[in-house]
PDB file of N, CA and C in Angstrom:
ATOM      1  N   MET A   1       6.108  21.797   4.264  1.00  0.00           N
ATOM      2  CA  MET A   1       6.299  23.653   4.329  1.00  0.00           C
ATOM      3  C   MET A   1       6.395  23.418   5.673  1.00  0.00           C
ATOM      4  N   PHE A   2       6.387  23.832   6.568  1.00  0.00           N
ATOM      5  CA  PHE A   2       5.832  24.215   7.161  1.00  0.00           C
ATOM      6  C   PHE A   2       5.483  25.790   8.254  1.00  0.00           C
ATOM      7  N   LEU A   3       4.560  25.738   9.139  1.00  0.00           N
ATOM      8  CA  LEU A   3       3.924  26.825   9.648  1.00  0.00           C
ATOM      9  C   LEU A   3       3.888  27.128  11.429  1.00  0.00           C
ATOM     10  N   THR A   4       4.469  28.297  11.183  1.00  0.00           N
ATOM     11  CA  THR A   4       5.143  27.996  12.416  1.00  0.00           C
ATOM     12  C   THR A   4       5.159  30.232  12.740  1.00  0.00           C
ATOM     13  N   ASN A   5       5.271  29.905  13.563  1.00  0.00           N
ATOM     14  CA  ASN A   5       5.139  32.018  14.425  1.00  0.00           C
ATOM     15  C   ASN A   5       6.753  31.901  14.835  1.00  0.00           C
ATOM     16  N   ASN A   6       7.765  31.408  14.658  1.00  0.00           N
ATOM     17  CA  ASN A   6       8.133  31.342  15.955  1.00  0.00           C
ATOM     18  C   ASN A   6       9.846  31.866  14.678  1.00  0.00           C
ATOM     19  N   LEU A   7       9.369  33.152  14.500  1.00  0.00           N
ATOM     20  CA  LEU A   7      10.405  33.712  13.675  1.00  0.00           C
ATOM     21  C   LEU A   7      12.185  33.798  13.359  1.00  0.00           C
ATOM     22  N   ASP A   8      12.606  33.084  15.090  1.00  0.00           N
ATOM     23  CA  ASP A   8      13.831  33.347  15.169  1.00  0.00           C
ATOM     24  C   ASP A   8      14.344  31.949  14.580  1.00  0.00           C
ATOM     25  N   ALA A   9      13.238  31.046  14.730  1.00  0.00           N
ATOM     26  CA  ALA A   9      14.269  29.359  14.900  1.00  0.00           C
ATOM     27  C   ALA A   9      14.528  29.222  12.962  1.00  0.00           C
ATOM     28  N   SER A  10      15.090  28.443  12.981  1.00  0.00           N
ATOM     29  CA  SER A  10      16.131  27.831  10.657  1.00  0.00           C
ATOM     30  C   SER A  10      15.243  27.038  11.198  1.00  0.00           C
ATOM     31  N   GLU A  11      15.215  26.709   9.440  1.00  0.00           N
ATOM     32  CA  GLU A  11      14.316  25.432   8.838  1.00  0.00           C
ATOM     33  C   GLU A  11      15.204  24.242   9.697  1.00  0.00           C
ATOM     34  N   GLU A  12      15.395  23.728   9.273  1.00  0.00           N
ATOM     35  CA  GLU A  12      16.297  22.442   9.624  1.00  0.00           C
ATOM     36  C   GLU A  12      15.802  22.203  11.811  1.00  0.00           C
ATOM     37  N   LEU A  13      15.712  23.924  12.445  1.00  0.00           N
ATOM     38  CA  LEU A  13      14.736  23.963  13.725  1.00  0.00           C
ATOM     39  C   LEU A  13      13.663  23.131  13.440  1.00  0.00           C
ATOM     40  N   ILE A  14      13.142  23.511  12.650  1.00  0.00           N
ATOM     41  CA  ILE A  14      11.321  23.689  12.650  1.00  0.00           C
ATOM     42  C   ILE A  14      11.729  22.792  12.145  1.00  0.00           C
ATOM     43  N   SER A  15      12.102  22.198  11.300  1.00  0.00           N
ATOM     44  CA  SER A  15      11.643  20.654  11.008  1.00  0.00           C
ATOM     45  C   SER A  15      12.457  19.064  11.879  1.00  0.00           C
ATOM     46  N   LEU A  16      13.308  19.851  12.708  1.00  0.00           N
ATOM     47  CA  LEU A  16      14.105  18.713  13.612  1.00  0.00           C
ATOM     48  C   LEU A  16      12.380  18.223  14.381  1.00  0.00           C
ATOM     49  N   LEU A  17      12.133  19.666  14.845  1.00  0.00           N
ATOM     50  CA  LEU A  17      10.577  19.708  16.218  1.00  0.00           C
ATOM     51  C   LEU A  17       9.523  18.848  15.592  1.00  0.00           C
ATOM     52  N   TYR A  18       8.927  18.903  13.635  1.00  0.00           N
ATOM     53  CA  TYR A  18       8.003  18.588  13.729  1.00  0.00           C
ATOM     54  C   TYR A  18       9.015  17.152  13.749  1.00  0.00           C
ATOM     55  N   GLN A  19       9.252  16.860  13.774  1.00  0.00           N
ATOM     56  CA  GLN A  19      10.117  15.648  13.332  1.00  0.00           C
ATOM     57  C   GLN A  19       9.503  14.257  14.592  1.00  0.00           C
ATOM     58  N   ASN A  20      10.776  15.242  15.754  1.00  0.00           N
ATOM     59  CA  ASN A  20      10.118  14.235  17.161  1.00  0.00           C
ATOM     60  C   ASN A  20       8.330  14.699  17.928  1.00  0.00           C
ATOM     61  N   ARG A  21       7.835  16.371  17.044  1.00  0.00           N
ATOM     62  CA  ARG A  21       6.835  16.202  17.437  1.00  0.00           C
ATOM     63  C   ARG A  21       5.645  14.497  16.534  1.00  0.00           C
ATOM     64  N   TRP A  22       6.235  14.243  15.867  1.00  0.00           N
ATOM     65  CA  TRP A  22       5.977  13.771  15.006  1.00  0.00           C
ATOM     66  C   TRP A  22       5.728  11.756  16.073  1.00  0.00           C
ATOM     67  N   SER A  23       6.756  11.867  16.198  1.00  0.00           N
ATOM     68  CA  SER A  23       7.360  10.587  16.882  1.00  0.00           C
ATOM     69  C   SER A  23       6.852  10.232  18.185  1.00  0.00           C
ATOM     70  N   VAL A  24       6.158  11.120  18.862  1.00  0.00           N
ATOM     71  CA  VAL A  24       5.410  11.691  19.615  1.00  0.00           C
ATOM     72  C   VAL A  24       4.653  11.267  19.378  1.00  0.00           C
ATOM     73  N   GLU A  25       4.029  11.667  17.763  1.00  0.00           N
ATOM     74  CA  GLU A  25       2.454  11.242  18.755  1.00  0.00           C
ATOM     75  C   GLU A  25       2.556   9.700  17.673  1.00  0.00           C
ATOM     76  N   LEU A  26       3.145   9.499  17.513  1.00  0.00           N
ATOM     77  CA  LEU A  26       3.332   7.591  17.054  1.00  0.00           C
ATOM     78  C   LEU A  26       2.899   6.435  18.246  1.00  0.00           C
ATOM     79  N   PHE A  27       4.041   7.486  19.142  1.00  0.00           N
ATOM     80  CA  PHE A  27       4.505   6.492  20.541  1.00  0.00           C
ATOM     81  C   PHE A  27       3.116   6.649  20.782  1.00  0.00           C
ATOM     82  N   PHE A  28       2.378   7.812  20.887  1.00  0.00           N
ATOM     83  CA  PHE A  28       0.678   8.059  21.741  1.00  0.00           C
ATOM     84  C   PHE A  28      -0.090   6.761  21.140  1.00  0.00           C
ATOM     85  N   LYS A  29      -0.389   6.911  19.679  1.00  0.00           N
ATOM     86  CA  LYS A  29      -1.337   5.968  19.134  1.00  0.00           C
ATOM     87  C   LYS A  29      -0.200   4.424  19.436  1.00  0.00           C
ATOM     88  N   TRP A  30       0.524   3.982  19.654  1.00  0.00           N
ATOM     89  CA  TRP A  30       0.851   2.360  19.832  1.00  0.00           C
ATOM     90  C   TRP A  30       0.533   2.618  21.244  1.00  0.00           C
ATOM     91  N   ILE A  31       0.629   3.077  21.861  1.00  0.00           N
ATOM     92  CA  ILE A  31       0.881   3.174  23.502  1.00  0.00           C
ATOM     93  C   ILE A  31      -1.106   2.819  23.483  1.00  0.00           C
ATOM     94  N   LYS A  32      -1.783   3.544  23.585  1.00  0.00           N
ATOM     95  CA  LYS A  32      -3.263   3.254  22.663  1.00  0.00           C
ATOM     96  C   LYS A  32      -3.232   2.120  22.115  1.00  0.00           C
ATOM     97  N   GLN A  33      -3.529   1.793  20.757  1.00  0.00           N
ATOM     98  CA  GLN A  33      -3.521   0.686  20.719  1.00  0.00           C
ATOM     99  C   GLN A  33      -2.946  -0.271  21.493  1.00  0.00           C
ATOM    100  N   HIS A  34      -1.647  -0.320  21.465  1.00  0.00           N
ATOM    101  CA  HIS A  34      -1.832  -1.875  22.541  1.00  0.00           C
ATOM    102  C   HIS A  34      -1.917  -2.428  24.110  1.00  0.00           C
ATOM    103  N   LEU A  35      -1.437  -1.045  24.043  1.00  0.00           N
ATOM    104  CA  LEU A  35      -1.136  -1.476  26.458  1.00  0.00           C
ATOM    105  C   LEU A  35      -2.594  -0.269  26.514  1.00  0.00           C
ATOM    106  N   LYS A  36      -3.274  -0.192  26.285  1.00  0.00           N
ATOM    107  CA  LYS A  36      -5.215   0.241  26.034  1.00  0.00           C
ATOM    108  C   LYS A  36      -5.240   0.971  27.461  1.00  0.00           C
ATOM    109  N   ILE A  37      -3.994   1.831  27.146  1.00  0.00           N
ATOM    110  CA  ILE A  37      -3.669   3.884  28.075  1.00  0.00           C
ATOM    111  C   ILE A  37      -5.540   3.821  27.644  1.00  0.00           C
ATOM    112  N   LYS A  38      -6.416   4.053  28.393  1.00  0.00           N
ATOM    113  CA  LYS A  38      -7.709   4.567  28.514  1.00  0.00           C
ATOM    114  C   LYS A  38      -7.384   6.107  28.823  1.00  0.00           C
ATOM    115  N   LYS A  39      -7.262   6.379  29.583  1.00  0.00           N
ATOM    116  CA  LYS A  39      -6.098   7.981  30.659  1.00  0.00           C
ATOM    117  C   LYS A  39      -5.202   7.512  31.710  1.00  0.00           C
ATOM    118  N   PHE A  40      -5.103   9.062  31.507  1.00  0.00           N
ATOM    119  CA  PHE A  40      -3.615   9.590  33.110  1.00  0.00           C
ATOM    120  C   PHE A  40      -3.912   9.157  33.771  1.00  0.00           C
ATOM    121  N   TRP A  41      -3.740   7.890  35.740  1.00  0.00           N
ATOM    122  CA  TRP A  41      -4.177   8.232  36.834  1.00  0.00           C
ATOM    123  C   TRP A  41      -3.691   9.481  37.738  1.00  0.00           C
ATOM    124  N   GLY A  42      -2.739   9.693  37.893  1.00  0.00           N
ATOM    125  CA  GLY A  42      -1.427  11.131  37.269  1.00  0.00           C
ATOM    126  C   GLY A  42      -1.370  11.744  36.890  1.00  0.00           C
ATOM    127  N   THR A  43      -1.184  12.747  36.918  1.00  0.00           N
ATOM    128  CA  THR A  43      -1.052  14.315  36.324  1.00  0.00           C
ATOM    129  C   THR A  43       0.374  14.883  35.976  1.00  0.00           C
ATOM    130  N   SER A  44       1.316  14.684  36.929  1.00  0.00           N
ATOM    131  CA  SER A  44       2.742  14.541  36.760  1.00  0.00           C
ATOM    132  C   SER A  44       3.714  13.506  36.385  1.00  0.00           C
ATOM    133  N   GLU A  45       4.323  14.311  35.640  1.00  0.00           N
ATOM    134  CA  GLU A  45       5.161  13.429  34.479  1.00  0.00           C
ATOM    135  C   GLU A  45       5.636  11.956  35.030  1.00  0.00           C
ATOM    136  N   ASN A  46       6.541  11.791  36.496  1.00  0.00           N
ATOM    137  CA  ASN A  46       6.071  11.626  37.269  1.00  0.00           C
ATOM    138  C   ASN A  46       5.285   9.726  37.991  1.00  0.00           C
ATOM    139  N   ALA A  47       4.293  10.599  36.990  1.00  0.00           N
ATOM    140  CA  ALA A  47       2.949   9.985  38.221  1.00  0.00           C
ATOM    141  C   ALA A  47       2.979   9.005  36.051  1.00  0.00           C
ATOM    142  N   VAL A  48       3.206   9.429  35.141  1.00  0.00           N
ATOM    143  CA  VAL A  48       2.699   9.200  33.962  1.00  0.00           C
ATOM    144  C   VAL A  48       3.510   8.119  33.171  1.00  0.00           C
ATOM    145  N   ARG A  49       5.182   8.017  33.932  1.00  0.00           N
ATOM    146  CA  ARG A  49       6.099   8.440  33.219  1.00  0.00           C
ATOM    147  C   ARG A  49       5.373   5.951  34.595  1.00  0.00           C
ATOM    148  N   ILE A  50       5.041   6.930  35.606  1.00  0.00           N
ATOM    149  CA  ILE A  50       5.029   5.076  35.971  1.00  0.00           C
ATOM    150  C   ILE A  50       3.642   4.153  35.373  1.00  0.00           C
ATOM    151  N   GLN A  51       2.383   5.077  34.985  1.00  0.00           N
ATOM    152  CA  GLN A  51       2.081   4.355  34.321  1.00  0.00           C
ATOM    153  C   GLN A  51       1.867   3.257  33.382  1.00  0.00           C
ATOM    154  N   ILE A  52       3.043   4.108  32.159  1.00  0.00           N
ATOM    155  CA  ILE A  52       3.572   3.933  31.009  1.00  0.00           C
ATOM    156  C   ILE A  52       4.632   2.491  31.245  1.00  0.00           C
ATOM    157  N   TYR A  53       5.439   3.023  32.023  1.00  0.00           N
ATOM    158  CA  TYR A  53       6.858   1.454  32.645  1.00  0.00           C
ATOM    159  C   TYR A  53       5.869   0.101  32.846  1.00  0.00           C
ATOM    160  N   CYS A  54       4.078   0.911  33.462  1.00  0.00           N
ATOM    161  CA  CYS A  54       3.589  -1.090  34.364  1.00  0.00           C
ATOM    162  C   CYS A  54       3.110  -1.430  32.810  1.00  0.00           C
ATOM    163  N   ALA A  55       2.245  -0.096  32.009  1.00  0.00           N
ATOM    164  CA  ALA A  55       2.412  -0.903  31.199  1.00  0.00           C
ATOM    165  C   ALA A  55       2.937  -1.940  30.029  1.00  0.00           C
ATOM    166  N   ILE A  56       3.878  -1.562  29.574  1.00  0.00           N
ATOM    167  CA  ILE A  56       4.924  -1.398  28.929  1.00  0.00           C
ATOM    168  C   ILE A  56       5.228  -2.970  29.987  1.00  0.00           C
ATOM    169  N   ILE A  57       5.940  -3.143  30.627  1.00  0.00           N
ATOM    170  CA  ILE A  57       6.777  -4.299  31.240  1.00  0.00           C
ATOM    171  C   ILE A  57       4.913  -5.696  31.862  1.00  0.00           C
ATOM    172  N   THR A  58       3.156  -5.430  31.219  1.00  0.00           N
ATOM    173  CA  THR A  58       2.698  -6.303  31.188  1.00  0.00           C
ATOM    174  C   THR A  58       3.312  -6.331  30.139  1.00  0.00           C
ATOM    175  N   TYR A  59       2.963  -5.265  29.103  1.00  0.00           N
ATOM    176  CA  TYR A  59       2.648  -6.301  27.624  1.00  0.00           C
ATOM    177  C   TYR A  59       3.443  -7.327  27.531  1.00  0.00           C
ATOM    178  N   CYS A  60       5.113  -6.680  27.207  1.00  0.00           N
ATOM    179  CA  CYS A  60       6.093  -7.557  27.468  1.00  0.00           C
ATOM    180  C   CYS A  60       5.891  -8.927  28.231  1.00  0.00           C
ATOM    181  N   LEU A  61       6.255  -8.464  29.161  1.00  0.00           N
ATOM    182  CA  LEU A  61       5.588 -10.294  30.161  1.00  0.00           C
ATOM    183  C   LEU A  61       4.098 -11.183  28.827  1.00  0.00           C
ATOM    184  N   VAL A  62       3.459 -10.412  29.521  1.00  0.00           N
ATOM    185  CA  VAL A  62       2.210 -11.012  28.776  1.00  0.00           C
ATOM    186  C   VAL A  62       2.529 -11.387  27.143  1.00  0.00           C
ATOM    187  N   ALA A  63       3.189 -10.733  26.147  1.00  0.00           N
ATOM    188  CA  ALA A  63       3.896 -10.669  24.952  1.00  0.00           C
ATOM    189  C   ALA A  63       5.098 -12.901  25.356  1.00  0.00           C
ATOM    190  N   ILE A  64       5.455 -12.350  26.509  1.00  0.00           N
ATOM    191  CA  ILE A  64       6.802 -13.304  26.769  1.00  0.00           C
ATOM    192  C   ILE A  64       6.213 -15.274  26.183  1.00  0.00           C
ATOM    193  N   VAL A  65       4.587 -14.859  27.398  1.00  0.00           N
ATOM    194  CA  VAL A  65       3.545 -15.858  28.399  1.00  0.00           C
ATOM    195  C   VAL A  65       2.893 -16.388  27.084  1.00  0.00           C
ATOM    196  N   GLN A  66       3.114 -15.147  26.345  1.00  0.00           N
ATOM    197  CA  GLN A  66       2.485 -16.029  24.828  1.00  0.00           C
ATOM    198  C   GLN A  66       3.007 -16.906  23.760  1.00  0.00           C
ATOM    199  N   HIS A  67       4.473 -16.182  24.134  1.00  0.00           N
ATOM    200  CA  HIS A  67       5.390 -16.583  23.106  1.00  0.00           C
ATOM    201  C   HIS A  67       6.003 -18.197  23.489  1.00  0.00           C
ATOM    202  N   ASP A  68       6.703 -18.365  24.437  1.00  0.00           N
ATOM    203  CA  ASP A  68       7.021 -19.425  25.568  1.00  0.00           C
ATOM    204  C   ASP A  68       5.822 -20.252  25.485  1.00  0.00           C
ATOM    205  N   MET A  69       4.464 -20.310  25.402  1.00  0.00           N
ATOM    206  CA  MET A  69       3.038 -20.712  25.591  1.00  0.00           C
ATOM    207  C   MET A  69       2.667 -22.104  23.851  1.00  0.00           C
ATOM    208  N   LYS A  70       2.907 -20.307  23.192  1.00  0.00           N
ATOM    209  CA  LYS A  70       2.775 -20.765  21.554  1.00  0.00           C
ATOM    210  C   LYS A  70       1.193 -20.601  21.994  1.00  0.00           C
ATOM    211  N   LEU A  71       1.052 -19.515  22.734  1.00  0.00           N
ATOM    212  CA  LEU A  71      -0.867 -18.966  22.168  1.00  0.00           C
ATOM    213  C   LEU A  71      -0.998 -18.777  20.501  1.00  0.00           C
ATOM    214  N   GLU A  72      -1.722 -19.247  20.930  1.00  0.00           N
ATOM    215  CA  GLU A  72      -2.603 -18.926  19.339  1.00  0.00           C
ATOM    216  C   GLU A  72      -3.601 -17.495  19.446  1.00  0.00           C
ATOM    217  N   ARG A  73      -3.133 -16.943  20.411  1.00  0.00           N
ATOM    218  CA  ARG A  73      -4.278 -15.457  20.704  1.00  0.00           C
ATOM    219  C   ARG A  73      -3.588 -14.154  20.651  1.00  0.00           C
ATOM    220  N   SER A  74      -4.486 -13.407  20.718  1.00  0.00           N
ATOM    221  CA  SER A  74      -3.519 -12.193  20.430  1.00  0.00           C
ATOM    222  C   SER A  74      -3.259 -11.495  22.106  1.00  0.00           C
ATOM    223  N   ILE A  75      -2.040 -10.566  21.826  1.00  0.00           N
ATOM    224  CA  ILE A  75      -1.765 -10.808  23.591  1.00  0.00           C
ATOM    225  C   ILE A  75      -2.562  -9.309  24.551  1.00  0.00           C
ATOM    226  N   TYR A  76      -3.353  -8.901  23.032  1.00  0.00           N
ATOM    227  CA  TYR A  76      -4.987  -8.596  24.156  1.00  0.00           C
ATOM    228  C   TYR A  76      -5.712  -9.708  24.804  1.00  0.00           C
ATOM    229  N   GLU A  77      -6.004 -10.266  23.837  1.00  0.00           N
ATOM    230  CA  GLU A  77      -6.656 -11.425  25.101  1.00  0.00           C
ATOM    231  C   GLU A  77      -6.440 -12.473  25.684  1.00  0.00           C
ATOM    232  N   VAL A  78      -4.787 -12.296  25.445  1.00  0.00           N
ATOM    233  CA  VAL A  78      -3.103 -13.357  26.718  1.00  0.00           C
ATOM    234  C   VAL A  78      -4.264 -12.148  27.963  1.00  0.00           C
ATOM    235  N   LEU A  79      -4.319 -11.084  28.071  1.00  0.00           N
ATOM    236  CA  LEU A  79      -3.644 -10.646  28.794  1.00  0.00           C
ATOM    237  C   LEU A  79      -5.796 -10.410  29.709  1.00  0.00           C
ATOM    238  N   GLN A  80      -7.115 -10.661  28.807  1.00  0.00           N
ATOM    239  CA  GLN A  80      -7.249  -9.627  29.256  1.00  0.00           C
ATOM    240  C   GLN A  80      -7.755 -11.083  30.206  1.00  0.00           C
ATOM    241  N   ILE A  81      -7.987 -12.560  29.933  1.00  0.00           N
ATOM    242  CA  ILE A  81      -8.182 -14.061  29.909  1.00  0.00           C
ATOM    243  C   ILE A  81      -7.488 -13.472  31.861  1.00  0.00           C
ATOM    244  N   LEU A  82      -5.722 -13.651  31.661  1.00  0.00           N
ATOM    245  CA  LEU A  82      -5.255 -13.646  33.054  1.00  0.00           C
ATOM    246  C   LEU A  82      -5.693 -12.813  33.170  1.00  0.00           C
ATOM    247  N   GLY A  83      -6.233 -11.699  33.527  1.00  0.00           N
ATOM    248  CA  GLY A  83      -6.828  -9.723  34.221  1.00  0.00           C
ATOM    249  C   GLY A  83      -8.021 -11.046  34.305  1.00  0.00           C
ATOM    250  N   ILE A  84      -9.549 -11.255  33.953  1.00  0.00           N
ATOM    251  CA  ILE A  84      -9.523 -12.188  34.711  1.00  0.00           C
ATOM    252  C   ILE A  84      -9.808 -12.316  35.876  1.00  0.00           C
ATOM    253  N   PHE A  85      -9.144 -14.165  35.086  1.00  0.00           N
ATOM    254  CA  PHE A  85      -8.662 -14.999  36.909  1.00  0.00           C
ATOM    255  C   PHE A  85      -8.116 -13.973  37.665  1.00  0.00           C
ATOM    256  N   ILE A  86      -6.792 -13.379  36.826  1.00  0.00           N
ATOM    257  CA  ILE A  86      -6.159 -12.366  39.038  1.00  0.00           C
ATOM    258  C   ILE A  86      -7.294 -11.967  39.268  1.00  0.00           C
ATOM    259  N   ASN A  87      -8.210 -10.809  39.446  1.00  0.00           N
ATOM    260  CA  ASN A  87      -9.223 -10.352  39.470  1.00  0.00           C
ATOM    261  C   ASN A  87     -10.106 -11.774  40.285  1.00  0.00           C
ATOM    262  N   ILE A  88     -10.340 -12.270  39.625  1.00  0.00           N
ATOM    263  CA  ILE A  88     -12.069 -12.497  40.113  1.00  0.00           C
ATOM    264  C   ILE A  88     -11.374 -14.234  41.158  1.00  0.00           C
ATOM    265  N   ARG A  89     -10.766 -14.966  40.344  1.00  0.00           N
ATOM    266  CA  ARG A  89     -10.497 -16.519  41.216  1.00  0.00           C
ATOM    267  C   ARG A  89      -9.427 -16.474  41.977  1.00  0.00           C
ATOM    268  N   ASP A  90      -8.975 -15.502  43.198  1.00  0.00           N
ATOM    269  CA  ASP A  90      -8.874 -15.374  44.070  1.00  0.00           C
ATOM    270  C   ASP A  90      -7.736 -17.464  44.844  1.00  0.00           C
ATOM    271  N   ASP A  91      -8.765 -18.431  44.885  1.00  0.00           N
ATOM    272  CA  ASP A  91      -8.785 -19.604  44.988  1.00  0.00           C
ATOM    273  C   ASP A  91      -7.558 -19.798  43.789  1.00  0.00           C
ATOM    274  N   VAL A  92      -7.817 -19.529  42.870  1.00  0.00           N
ATOM    275  CA  VAL A  92      -6.981 -20.305  41.743  1.00  0.00           C
ATOM    276  C   VAL A  92      -5.906 -19.641  42.026  1.00  0.00           C
ATOM    277  N   THR A  93      -4.251 -20.903  41.508  1.00  0.00           N
ATOM    278  CA  THR A  93      -2.989 -19.858  41.746  1.00  0.00           C
ATOM    279  C   THR A  93      -3.138 -19.321  40.602  1.00  0.00           C
ATOM    280  N   LEU A  94      -1.797 -18.011  40.375  1.00  0.00           N
ATOM    281  CA  LEU A  94      -1.217 -18.394  39.118  1.00  0.00           C
ATOM    282  C   LEU A  94      -0.040 -19.385  38.098  1.00  0.00           C
ATOM    283  N   LYS A  95       0.076 -20.306  37.979  1.00  0.00           N
ATOM    284  CA  LYS A  95       0.598 -21.563  37.619  1.00  0.00           C
ATOM    285  C   LYS A  95      -1.073 -22.127  37.056  1.00  0.00           C
ATOM    286  N   GLU A  96      -1.527 -22.614  38.599  1.00  0.00           N
ATOM    287  CA  GLU A  96      -2.826 -23.409  37.603  1.00  0.00           C
ATOM    288  C   GLU A  96      -4.060 -22.771  36.274  1.00  0.00           C
ATOM    289  N   LYS A  97      -3.591 -20.967  35.987  1.00  0.00           N
ATOM    290  CA  LYS A  97      -5.090 -20.033  35.969  1.00  0.00           C
ATOM    291  C   LYS A  97      -3.904 -20.071  33.964  1.00  0.00           C
ATOM    292  N   VAL A  98      -2.221 -19.875  33.730  1.00  0.00           N
ATOM    293  CA  VAL A  98      -1.548 -20.354  33.118  1.00  0.00           C
ATOM    294  C   VAL A  98      -1.463 -21.807  32.286  1.00  0.00           C
ATOM    295  N   ASN A  99      -2.460 -22.269  33.696  1.00  0.00           N
ATOM    296  CA  ASN A  99      -2.297 -24.012  31.961  1.00  0.00           C
ATOM    297  C   ASN A  99      -3.627 -24.179  31.923  1.00  0.00           C
ATOM    298  N   TRP A 100      -4.367 -23.227  32.702  1.00  0.00           N
ATOM    299  CA  TRP A 100      -5.181 -23.265  32.126  1.00  0.00           C
ATOM    300  C   TRP A 100      -5.634 -22.274  30.889  1.00  0.00           C
ATOM    301  N   LEU A 101      -4.817 -21.582  31.219  1.00  0.00           N
ATOM    302  CA  LEU A 101      -4.592 -21.032  29.251  1.00  0.00           C
ATOM    303  C   LEU A 101      -4.123 -21.966  28.387  1.00  0.00           C
ATOM    304  N   LYS A 102      -3.345 -22.379  28.579  1.00  0.00           N
ATOM    305  CA  LYS A 102      -2.348 -23.358  27.697  1.00  0.00           C
ATOM    306  C   LYS A 102      -3.392 -24.286  27.247  1.00  0.00           C
ATOM    307  N   ASN A 103      -3.990 -25.358  28.047  1.00  0.00           N
ATOM    308  CA  ASN A 103      -4.679 -26.052  27.545  1.00  0.00           C
ATOM    309  C   ASN A 103      -5.760 -25.782  27.553  1.00  0.00           C
ATOM    310  N   ASN A 104      -6.011 -24.186  26.868  1.00  0.00           N
ATOM    311  CA  ASN A 104      -7.791 -23.596  25.956  1.00  0.00           C
ATOM    312  C   ASN A 104      -6.767 -23.002  24.902  1.00  0.00           C
ATOM    313  N   ARG A 105      -6.518 -22.663  24.273  1.00  0.00           N
ATOM    314  CA  ARG A 105      -5.928 -22.006  22.938  1.00  0.00           C
ATOM    315  C   ARG A 105      -6.681 -22.154  22.625  1.00  0.00           C
TER     316      ARG A 105
END
């Protein structure tokens, strides 16, 4: 049973709207759990989309690195290690960072 104040909508439409709402809720739950987006930097639709796309691309690239290197660390751990290296060690090349990660599984 669904409650609504839209008395003109059909039962099928109300059901479809709730199903779509649930899909959106699951998507944002996945974003919070996997992409570690705590808040959105911008408020426009375009800004939110760009931030989500960047986070998804980053997640996929890290997943590829993890898989190809057969790392026994979680994607989140790999992302943390690479993030620390990228932000702190400017004197070390990305290749050296990835090799360090591979050697310190």
